[in-house]
Amino acid sequence: MNRKDSLKNAEDQKLYDDLASLHAHLGEAFQSQFDRSLPFTDEVFDRWERANSLGWGEGTSVYDSAYIFGETAVGKNTWIGPFTIIDGSGGLEIGDSCTISAGVHIYTHNNVKQTLSGGTLPIERQAVSIGSNTYIAPQSILSMGITIGNYCIIASNSFVNKSFPDFAIIAGNPAKQIGKVVMNGDNIHFDYSDF
């Protein structure tokens, strides 16, 4: 039995048919215009409107599948990808022109001590700050209380539990600086020689 056959009344079946038709129509439009196939919610809900409704900077977008908690301040032209967790319960600032890739988790709290104490200790909260023009690759996790500078790169699958300066290339579990970004106008290269 398919999902439509399990619907009990004609009104539910009509609604299902209308939604399926809308999904097919939008899916074809996204495929022809952008050469991509998206989940239904990302076809229906505008990423830029969501970011705007959160008070974030002009040109910033956030996917519908992203979880957003607490106080978050995000600058202009930042892209927050699908399946991210953006936790501002302890305070979170993200600068302009950043990329927060798919599956990135940014935490400003943890409940480790609360759990270990059987609930007698409170949840810990500390702010996180991420500078402008910083690229965070997929599946990275940033823990509470850290500052990431401007023009940084965080490699995929990194666990970042300490702060790093501007121009740092960061990777690992736990993360460490493995290089630096060198910029001279439009000439950008990566230097790993001192690390």
C-alpha atoms as a PDB file:
ATOM      1  CA  MET A   1       0.000   0.000   0.000  1.00  0.00           C
ATOM      2  CA  ASN A   2       1.369   3.430  -0.913  1.00  0.00           C
ATOM      3  CA  ARG A   3       0.997   6.549   1.198  1.00  0.00           C
ATOM      4  CA  LYS A   4      -1.943   7.929  -0.824  1.00  0.00           C
ATOM      5  CA  ASP A   5      -3.904   4.676  -0.449  1.00  0.00           C
ATOM      6  CA  SER A   6      -3.599   4.930   3.345  1.00  0.00           C
ATOM      7  CA  LEU A   7      -5.475   8.259   3.436  1.00  0.00           C
ATOM      8  CA  LYS A   8      -8.956   7.750   4.813  1.00  0.00           C
ATOM      9  CA  ASN A   9     -11.049  10.459   3.197  1.00  0.00           C
ATOM     10  CA  ALA A  10     -11.378  12.287  -0.117  1.00  0.00           C
ATOM     11  CA  GLU A  11     -10.320  15.644   1.351  1.00  0.00           C
ATOM     12  CA  ASP A  12      -6.998  14.183   2.553  1.00  0.00           C
ATOM     13  CA  GLN A  13      -6.463  12.474  -0.803  1.00  0.00           C
ATOM     14  CA  LYS A  14      -7.114  15.742  -2.676  1.00  0.00           C
ATOM     15  CA  LEU A  15      -4.664  17.597  -0.444  1.00  0.00           C
ATOM     16  CA  TYR A  16      -2.100  14.867  -1.077  1.00  0.00           C
ATOM     17  CA  ASP A  17      -2.673  15.115  -4.845  1.00  0.00           C
ATOM     18  CA  ASP A  18      -2.318  18.921  -4.738  1.00  0.00           C
ATOM     19  CA  LEU A  19       0.930  18.730  -2.763  1.00  0.00           C
ATOM     20  CA  ALA A  20       2.317  16.004  -5.034  1.00  0.00           C
ATOM     21  CA  SER A  21       1.432  18.128  -8.072  1.00  0.00           C
ATOM     22  CA  LEU A  22       3.115  21.187  -6.549  1.00  0.00           C
ATOM     23  CA  HIS A  23       6.215  19.124  -5.720  1.00  0.00           C
ATOM     24  CA  ALA A  24       6.382  17.791  -9.295  1.00  0.00           C
ATOM     25  CA  HIS A  25       5.943  21.291 -10.749  1.00  0.00           C
ATOM     26  CA  LEU A  26       8.553  22.888  -8.491  1.00  0.00           C
ATOM     27  CA  GLY A  27      10.911  19.944  -8.935  1.00  0.00           C
ATOM     28  CA  GLU A  28      10.829  20.343 -12.715  1.00  0.00           C
ATOM     29  CA  ALA A  29      11.381  24.098 -12.396  1.00  0.00           C
ATOM     30  CA  PHE A  30      14.405  23.703 -10.087  1.00  0.00           C
ATOM     31  CA  GLN A  31      15.828  20.959 -12.286  1.00  0.00           C
ATOM     32  CA  SER A  32      15.551  22.996 -15.494  1.00  0.00           C
ATOM     33  CA  GLN A  33      16.612  26.340 -14.015  1.00  0.00           C
ATOM     34  CA  PHE A  34      19.280  25.303 -11.492  1.00  0.00           C
ATOM     35  CA  ASP A  35      20.073  21.671 -12.443  1.00  0.00           C
ATOM     36  CA  ARG A  36      19.214  20.396  -8.968  1.00  0.00           C
ATOM     37  CA  SER A  37      16.646  18.280  -7.197  1.00  0.00           C
ATOM     38  CA  LEU A  38      15.713  19.452  -3.702  1.00  0.00           C
ATOM     39  CA  PRO A  39      13.576  18.183  -0.840  1.00  0.00           C
ATOM     40  CA  PHE A  40      10.044  19.545  -1.010  1.00  0.00           C
ATOM     41  CA  THR A  41      10.487  21.985   1.874  1.00  0.00           C
ATOM     42  CA  ASP A  42      13.514  23.565   0.191  1.00  0.00           C
ATOM     43  CA  GLU A  43      11.485  23.946  -3.010  1.00  0.00           C
ATOM     44  CA  VAL A  44       8.654  25.681  -1.145  1.00  0.00           C
ATOM     45  CA  PHE A  45      10.422  27.833   1.457  1.00  0.00           C
ATOM     46  CA  ASP A  46      12.818  30.583   0.426  1.00  0.00           C
ATOM     47  CA  ARG A  47      16.251  30.439   2.109  1.00  0.00           C
ATOM     48  CA  TRP A  48      16.763  34.211   1.949  1.00  0.00           C
ATOM     49  CA  GLU A  49      13.328  34.957   3.425  1.00  0.00           C
ATOM     50  CA  ARG A  50      14.066  32.650   6.355  1.00  0.00           C
ATOM     51  CA  ALA A  51      17.388  34.385   7.048  1.00  0.00           C
ATOM     52  CA  ASN A  52      15.696  37.778   6.773  1.00  0.00           C
ATOM     53  CA  SER A  53      12.984  36.700   9.240  1.00  0.00           C
ATOM     54  CA  LEU A  54      15.762  35.878  11.726  1.00  0.00           C
ATOM     55  CA  GLY A  55      17.183  39.392  11.367  1.00  0.00           C
ATOM     56  CA  TRP A  56      20.331  38.219   9.604  1.00  0.00           C
ATOM     57  CA  GLY A  57      22.296  40.277   7.085  1.00  0.00           C
ATOM     58  CA  GLU A  58      21.299  41.062   3.527  1.00  0.00           C
ATOM     59  CA  GLY A  59      22.037  38.287   1.050  1.00  0.00           C
ATOM     60  CA  THR A  60      22.368  35.617   3.748  1.00  0.00           C
ATOM     61  CA  SER A  61      20.469  32.361   3.259  1.00  0.00           C
ATOM     62  CA  VAL A  62      19.686  29.352   5.445  1.00  0.00           C
ATOM     63  CA  TYR A  63      18.132  26.061   4.394  1.00  0.00           C
ATOM     64  CA  ASP A  64      14.798  24.947   5.846  1.00  0.00           C
ATOM     65  CA  SER A  65      16.440  21.791   7.226  1.00  0.00           C
ATOM     66  CA  ALA A  66      18.774  23.860   9.457  1.00  0.00           C
ATOM     67  CA  TYR A  67      17.998  23.949  13.182  1.00  0.00           C
ATOM     68  CA  ILE A  68      18.396  27.424  14.696  1.00  0.00           C
ATOM     69  CA  PHE A  69      18.354  27.974  18.487  1.00  0.00           C
ATOM     70  CA  GLY A  70      18.816  30.999  20.722  1.00  0.00           C
ATOM     71  CA  GLU A  71      20.467  34.324  20.006  1.00  0.00           C
ATOM     72  CA  THR A  72      22.163  34.325  16.635  1.00  0.00           C
ATOM     73  CA  ALA A  73      23.665  37.226  14.727  1.00  0.00           C
ATOM     74  CA  VAL A  74      24.771  36.515  11.164  1.00  0.00           C
ATOM     75  CA  GLY A  75      26.282  39.051   8.776  1.00  0.00           C
ATOM     76  CA  LYS A  76      25.732  39.678   5.072  1.00  0.00           C
ATOM     77  CA  ASN A  77      26.079  37.178   2.216  1.00  0.00           C
ATOM     78  CA  THR A  78      26.624  34.151   4.431  1.00  0.00           C
ATOM     79  CA  TRP A  79      25.432  30.739   3.222  1.00  0.00           C
ATOM     80  CA  ILE A  80      24.200  28.249   5.817  1.00  0.00           C
ATOM     81  CA  GLY A  81      23.723  24.842   4.257  1.00  0.00           C
ATOM     82  CA  PRO A  82      21.300  21.996   4.800  1.00  0.00           C
ATOM     83  CA  PHE A  83      21.192  19.794   7.889  1.00  0.00           C
ATOM     84  CA  THR A  84      23.125  22.236  10.049  1.00  0.00           C
ATOM     85  CA  ILE A  85      22.681  22.980  13.753  1.00  0.00           C
ATOM     86  CA  ILE A  86      23.173  26.629  14.618  1.00  0.00           C
ATOM     87  CA  ASP A  87      22.978  26.885  18.416  1.00  0.00           C
ATOM     88  CA  GLY A  88      22.937  30.416  19.753  1.00  0.00           C
ATOM     89  CA  SER A  89      21.615  29.516  23.211  1.00  0.00           C
ATOM     90  CA  GLY A  90      24.891  30.840  24.644  1.00  0.00           C
ATOM     91  CA  GLY A  91      25.267  33.626  22.060  1.00  0.00           C
ATOM     92  CA  LEU A  92      26.536  33.207  18.491  1.00  0.00           C
ATOM     93  CA  GLU A  93      27.994  35.684  16.010  1.00  0.00           C
ATOM     94  CA  ILE A  94      28.896  34.757  12.429  1.00  0.00           C
ATOM     95  CA  GLY A  95      30.455  37.378  10.154  1.00  0.00           C
ATOM     96  CA  ASP A  96      29.920  38.377   6.537  1.00  0.00           C
ATOM     97  CA  SER A  97      30.525  36.180   3.501  1.00  0.00           C
ATOM     98  CA  CYS A  98      30.959  32.895   5.378  1.00  0.00           C
ATOM     99  CA  THR A  99      30.135  29.381   4.242  1.00  0.00           C
ATOM    100  CA  ILE A 100      28.665  27.047   6.843  1.00  0.00           C
ATOM    101  CA  SER A 101      28.572  23.799   4.856  1.00  0.00           C
ATOM    102  CA  ALA A 102      26.116  20.911   5.020  1.00  0.00           C
ATOM    103  CA  GLY A 103      25.975  19.070   8.323  1.00  0.00           C
ATOM    104  CA  VAL A 104      28.018  21.589  10.313  1.00  0.00           C
ATOM    105  CA  HIS A 105      27.114  21.813  14.016  1.00  0.00           C
ATOM    106  CA  ILE A 106      27.931  24.959  15.983  1.00  0.00           C
ATOM    107  CA  TYR A 107      27.254  24.641  19.712  1.00  0.00           C
ATOM    108  CA  THR A 108      27.233  27.340  22.384  1.00  0.00           C
ATOM    109  CA  HIS A 109      26.171  24.998  25.171  1.00  0.00           C
ATOM    110  CA  ASN A 110      26.779  21.516  26.501  1.00  0.00           C
ATOM    111  CA  ASN A 111      25.037  19.440  29.107  1.00  0.00           C
ATOM    112  CA  VAL A 112      27.862  17.008  29.917  1.00  0.00           C
ATOM    113  CA  LYS A 113      28.260  18.092  33.558  1.00  0.00           C
ATOM    114  CA  GLN A 114      24.498  18.351  33.983  1.00  0.00           C
ATOM    115  CA  THR A 115      24.123  14.779  32.770  1.00  0.00           C
ATOM    116  CA  LEU A 116      27.008  13.412  34.846  1.00  0.00           C
ATOM    117  CA  SER A 117      25.681  15.138  37.970  1.00  0.00           C
ATOM    118  CA  GLY A 118      22.204  13.670  37.550  1.00  0.00           C
ATOM    119  CA  GLY A 119      20.832  17.126  36.848  1.00  0.00           C
ATOM    120  CA  THR A 120      22.236  18.936  39.881  1.00  0.00           C
ATOM    121  CA  LEU A 121      24.626  21.074  37.788  1.00  0.00           C
ATOM    122  CA  PRO A 122      23.302  23.494  35.160  1.00  0.00           C
ATOM    123  CA  ILE A 123      23.795  23.391  31.396  1.00  0.00           C
ATOM    124  CA  GLU A 124      26.986  25.268  30.545  1.00  0.00           C
ATOM    125  CA  ARG A 125      26.769  28.082  27.968  1.00  0.00           C
ATOM    126  CA  GLN A 126      29.517  30.146  26.325  1.00  0.00           C
ATOM    127  CA  ALA A 127      29.377  32.332  23.238  1.00  0.00           C
ATOM    128  CA  VAL A 128      30.969  31.468  19.896  1.00  0.00           C
ATOM    129  CA  SER A 129      32.279  34.028  17.412  1.00  0.00           C
ATOM    130  CA  ILE A 130      33.175  33.303  13.781  1.00  0.00           C
ATOM    131  CA  GLY A 131      34.840  36.040  11.753  1.00  0.00           C
ATOM    132  CA  SER A 132      34.069  37.114   8.205  1.00  0.00           C
ATOM    133  CA  ASN A 133      35.102  35.280   5.022  1.00  0.00           C
ATOM    134  CA  THR A 134      35.492  31.979   6.863  1.00  0.00           C
ATOM    135  CA  TYR A 135      34.799  28.628   5.220  1.00  0.00           C
ATOM    136  CA  ILE A 136      33.606  25.728   7.408  1.00  0.00           C
ATOM    137  CA  ALA A 137      33.594  22.462   5.458  1.00  0.00           C
ATOM    138  CA  PRO A 138      30.935  19.727   5.781  1.00  0.00           C
ATOM    139  CA  GLN A 139      30.348  17.749   8.967  1.00  0.00           C
ATOM    140  CA  SER A 140      32.555  19.896  11.191  1.00  0.00           C
ATOM    141  CA  ILE A 141      31.608  20.483  14.825  1.00  0.00           C
ATOM    142  CA  LEU A 142      32.456  23.666  16.726  1.00  0.00           C
ATOM    143  CA  SER A 143      32.142  23.594  20.508  1.00  0.00           C
ATOM    144  CA  MET A 144      31.153  26.379  22.878  1.00  0.00           C
ATOM    145  CA  GLY A 145      33.376  29.235  23.975  1.00  0.00           C
ATOM    146  CA  ILE A 146      35.594  29.517  20.909  1.00  0.00           C
ATOM    147  CA  THR A 147      36.526  32.316  18.521  1.00  0.00           C
ATOM    148  CA  ILE A 148      37.433  31.684  14.891  1.00  0.00           C
ATOM    149  CA  GLY A 149      39.123  34.547  13.063  1.00  0.00           C
ATOM    150  CA  ASN A 150      38.556  36.078   9.649  1.00  0.00           C
ATOM    151  CA  TYR A 151      39.646  34.331   6.437  1.00  0.00           C
ATOM    152  CA  CYS A 152      39.869  30.895   8.038  1.00  0.00           C
ATOM    153  CA  ILE A 153      39.281  27.438   6.594  1.00  0.00           C
ATOM    154  CA  ILE A 154      38.014  24.574   8.740  1.00  0.00           C
ATOM    155  CA  ALA A 155      38.428  21.198   7.033  1.00  0.00           C
ATOM    156  CA  SER A 156      35.679  18.579   6.794  1.00  0.00           C
ATOM    157  CA  ASN A 157      34.964  16.438   9.851  1.00  0.00           C
ATOM    158  CA  SER A 158      36.949  18.651  12.206  1.00  0.00           C
ATOM    159  CA  PHE A 159      36.137  18.932  15.900  1.00  0.00           C
ATOM    160  CA  VAL A 160      37.038  22.487  16.898  1.00  0.00           C
ATOM    161  CA  ASN A 161      37.241  22.976  20.663  1.00  0.00           C
ATOM    162  CA  LYS A 162      39.661  25.913  20.892  1.00  0.00           C
ATOM    163  CA  SER A 163      40.084  29.345  19.299  1.00  0.00           C
ATOM    164  CA  PHE A 164      42.111  30.147  16.193  1.00  0.00           C
ATOM    165  CA  PRO A 165      43.431  33.442  14.724  1.00  0.00           C
ATOM    166  CA  ASP A 166      42.765  35.094  11.377  1.00  0.00           C
ATOM    167  CA  PHE A 167      43.999  33.238   8.263  1.00  0.00           C
ATOM    168  CA  ALA A 168      44.231  29.844  10.008  1.00  0.00           C
ATOM    169  CA  ILE A 169      43.748  26.567   8.144  1.00  0.00           C
ATOM    170  CA  ILE A 170      42.272  24.221  10.730  1.00  0.00           C
ATOM    171  CA  ALA A 171      41.781  20.445  10.614  1.00  0.00           C
ATOM    172  CA  GLY A 172      41.532  17.365  12.769  1.00  0.00           C
ATOM    173  CA  ASN A 173      39.884  15.803  15.772  1.00  0.00           C
ATOM    174  CA  PRO A 174      40.634  17.657  17.938  1.00  0.00           C
ATOM    175  CA  ALA A 175      41.405  20.411  15.457  1.00  0.00           C
ATOM    176  CA  LYS A 176      44.757  22.143  15.198  1.00  0.00           C
ATOM    177  CA  GLN A 177      46.182  24.730  12.852  1.00  0.00           C
ATOM    178  CA  ILE A 178      47.827  22.991   9.889  1.00  0.00           C
ATOM    179  CA  GLY A 179      48.521  26.012   7.691  1.00  0.00           C
ATOM    180  CA  LYS A 180      47.690  29.591   6.908  1.00  0.00           C
ATOM    181  CA  VAL A 181      45.830  31.444   4.188  1.00  0.00           C
ATOM    182  CA  VAL A 182      48.068  33.917   2.358  1.00  0.00           C
ATOM    183  CA  MET A 183      46.311  36.702   0.477  1.00  0.00           C
ATOM    184  CA  ASN A 184      47.754  39.298  -1.868  1.00  0.00           C
ATOM    185  CA  GLY A 185      44.825  40.960  -3.621  1.00  0.00           C
ATOM    186  CA  ASP A 186      43.097  38.306  -5.703  1.00  0.00           C
ATOM    187  CA  ASN A 187      46.068  35.969  -5.333  1.00  0.00           C
ATOM    188  CA  ILE A 188      45.197  33.471  -2.599  1.00  0.00           C
ATOM    189  CA  HIS A 189      47.318  30.472  -1.683  1.00  0.00           C
ATOM    190  CA  PHE A 190      47.759  28.117   1.248  1.00  0.00           C
ATOM    191  CA  ASP A 191      51.000  27.830   3.175  1.00  0.00           C
ATOM    192  CA  TYR A 192      51.674  24.651   5.150  1.00  0.00           C
ATOM    193  CA  SER A 193      55.436  25.141   5.564  1.00  0.00           C
ATOM    194  CA  ASP A 194      55.551  26.230   9.228  1.00  0.00           C
ATOM    195  CA  PHE A 195      53.125  23.610  10.555  1.00  0.00           C
END
